[in-house]
Amino acid sequence: MNTPSAWHELPNAPPAGTVLGWVDRVEDGQALMHTVYREADSAQSQPFGVLLLRSGTQVKAFANRCAHFGVPLAARQELLKFQPHISITCNVHYARYRWSDGVCDRGDCEGESLIPIPVAQDANGCIRIA
């Protein structure tokens, strides 16, 4: 599969500066599925799936897109499989990705990775695409 190498190459990728959430709404050890829209009017825009992973005060973001087949890792939050601070598993093909860097360490896409999204947090805990 031809996987884009950068988050901004994905269809419907939101621009830098887009708010992805708030640190205090992501529990330590939580993998949170989040949907953002490129346009302010979500009825006129297509969704873009993001995974927010929190370890301590650090939040990482990845495109919610399996490297094996390009599908979301889960259809809904309650179906997302993860081991806090260790791994995230695709609910469709069971590929397992390391929490620390998104690299697939088990499954058909071994050695490939989730697509990271650079994020920054402001003093109020707002998480934005950097």
Protein backbone atom coordinates (compact mmCIF):
# COMPACT_ATOMS: atom_id res chain seq x y z
CA MET A 1 0.00 0.00 0.00
CA ASN A 2 1.26 3.49 -0.84
CA THR A 3 1.09 5.32 2.49
CA PRO A 4 1.50 9.10 2.64
CA SER A 5 4.62 9.99 4.58
CA ALA A 6 3.25 13.11 6.28
CA TRP A 7 -0.04 13.92 7.99
CA HIS A 8 -0.65 16.96 5.79
CA GLU A 9 -0.61 14.72 2.68
CA LEU A 10 -3.67 12.81 3.90
CA PRO A 11 -7.13 13.66 2.53
CA ASN A 12 -8.99 16.27 4.61
CA ALA A 13 -5.92 17.07 6.72
CA PRO A 14 -6.59 20.14 8.86
CA PRO A 15 -4.12 23.03 8.82
CA ALA A 16 -1.48 23.79 11.43
CA GLY A 17 -3.02 25.60 14.38
CA THR A 18 -6.14 23.41 14.45
CA VAL A 19 -7.25 22.63 18.00
CA LEU A 20 -7.17 18.90 18.73
CA GLY A 21 -8.32 19.03 22.32
CA TRP A 22 -7.38 19.85 25.90
CA VAL A 23 -4.79 18.08 28.02
CA ASP A 24 -7.12 17.86 31.02
CA ARG A 25 -9.69 15.95 28.91
CA VAL A 26 -7.23 13.18 28.05
CA GLU A 27 -6.46 11.01 31.06
CA ASP A 28 -2.90 9.84 31.67
CA GLY A 29 -2.52 6.54 29.79
CA GLN A 30 -5.54 7.18 27.57
CA ALA A 31 -5.69 6.75 23.82
CA LEU A 32 -8.44 9.07 22.65
CA MET A 33 -10.00 9.05 19.21
CA HIS A 34 -10.84 12.56 18.05
CA THR A 35 -12.35 13.90 14.83
CA VAL A 36 -11.51 17.31 13.42
CA TYR A 37 -12.74 19.13 10.34
CA ARG A 38 -10.79 21.24 7.89
CA GLU A 39 -13.54 23.84 7.68
CA ALA A 40 -15.35 25.48 10.59
CA ASP A 41 -18.67 24.21 9.24
CA SER A 42 -18.40 20.44 9.72
CA ALA A 43 -21.49 19.90 7.52
CA GLN A 44 -19.42 21.19 4.58
CA SER A 45 -16.20 19.37 5.50
CA GLN A 46 -15.00 15.76 5.63
CA PRO A 47 -13.77 14.32 8.94
CA PHE A 48 -10.11 13.72 9.78
CA GLY A 49 -9.39 11.15 12.48
CA VAL A 50 -6.74 11.76 15.11
CA LEU A 51 -5.45 9.65 17.99
CA LEU A 52 -4.29 11.52 21.08
CA LEU A 53 -2.05 9.51 23.42
CA ARG A 54 -1.19 10.89 26.83
CA SER A 55 1.73 9.85 29.03
CA GLY A 56 2.14 12.13 32.01
CA THR A 57 2.07 15.70 30.76
CA GLN A 58 3.09 14.71 27.22
CA VAL A 59 0.46 14.26 24.51
CA LYS A 60 1.32 12.71 21.15
CA ALA A 61 -0.91 12.70 18.10
CA PHE A 62 -1.15 10.30 15.19
CA ALA A 63 -3.49 10.12 12.22
CA ASN A 64 -6.14 7.50 13.06
CA ARG A 65 -5.14 5.41 10.07
CA CYS A 66 -3.75 1.88 10.11
CA ALA A 67 -0.49 1.61 8.14
CA HIS A 68 -1.56 -1.81 6.87
CA PHE A 69 -4.77 -0.88 5.10
CA GLY A 70 -5.45 2.82 5.67
CA VAL A 71 -8.59 2.31 7.73
CA PRO A 72 -9.28 3.83 11.17
CA LEU A 73 -7.89 1.75 14.05
CA ALA A 74 -11.41 1.43 15.46
CA ALA A 75 -14.91 2.46 14.43
CA ARG A 76 -15.73 3.94 17.86
CA GLN A 77 -13.81 4.93 20.98
CA GLU A 78 -15.12 2.00 23.04
CA LEU A 79 -13.73 -0.42 20.43
CA LEU A 80 -10.22 1.06 20.45
CA LYS A 81 -7.75 -1.51 21.78
CA PHE A 82 -4.74 -0.20 23.67
CA GLN A 83 -2.42 -0.91 26.56
CA PRO A 84 -1.75 2.39 28.33
CA HIS A 85 1.75 3.74 27.65
CA ILE A 86 2.63 0.55 25.71
CA SER A 87 0.68 -0.04 22.48
CA ILE A 88 -2.36 0.60 20.29
CA THR A 89 -3.86 -2.23 18.23
CA CYS A 90 -5.82 -1.96 14.99
CA ASN A 91 -9.31 -3.32 15.57
CA VAL A 92 -9.54 -4.46 11.94
CA HIS A 93 -6.25 -6.25 11.21
CA TYR A 94 -4.78 -6.51 14.73
CA ALA A 95 -1.54 -4.76 13.80
CA ARG A 96 0.08 -3.49 17.01
CA TYR A 97 1.78 -0.10 17.20
CA ARG A 98 4.16 1.11 19.88
CA TRP A 99 2.78 3.93 22.03
CA SER A 100 6.14 5.68 22.12
CA ASP A 101 6.60 6.22 18.38
CA GLY A 102 3.72 4.59 16.46
CA VAL A 103 5.93 1.94 14.83
CA CYS A 104 4.18 -1.35 14.04
CA ASP A 105 5.90 -4.11 16.00
CA ARG A 106 3.45 -6.93 15.22
CA GLY A 107 1.26 -7.64 12.21
CA ASP A 108 1.23 -7.30 8.43
CA CYS A 109 2.69 -3.80 8.53
CA GLU A 110 5.65 -4.59 10.81
CA GLY A 111 8.26 -1.83 10.53
CA GLU A 112 5.80 0.72 9.13
CA SER A 113 4.24 3.29 11.41
CA LEU A 114 1.27 5.42 12.21
CA ILE A 115 1.60 8.90 10.76
CA PRO A 116 2.62 11.35 13.51
CA ILE A 117 1.02 14.76 13.78
CA PRO A 118 3.20 17.42 15.45
CA VAL A 119 1.43 19.05 18.38
CA ALA A 120 2.07 21.87 20.81
CA GLN A 121 0.37 22.69 24.10
CA ASP A 122 -0.19 26.20 25.33
CA ALA A 123 -0.20 27.38 28.95
CA ASN A 124 -3.94 26.70 29.21
CA GLY A 125 -3.56 23.06 28.09
CA CYS A 126 -4.92 23.54 24.58
CA ILE A 127 -3.45 20.97 22.15
CA ARG A 128 -2.98 22.27 18.60
CA ILE A 129 -1.38 20.99 15.44
CA ALA A 130 2.08 22.59 15.39
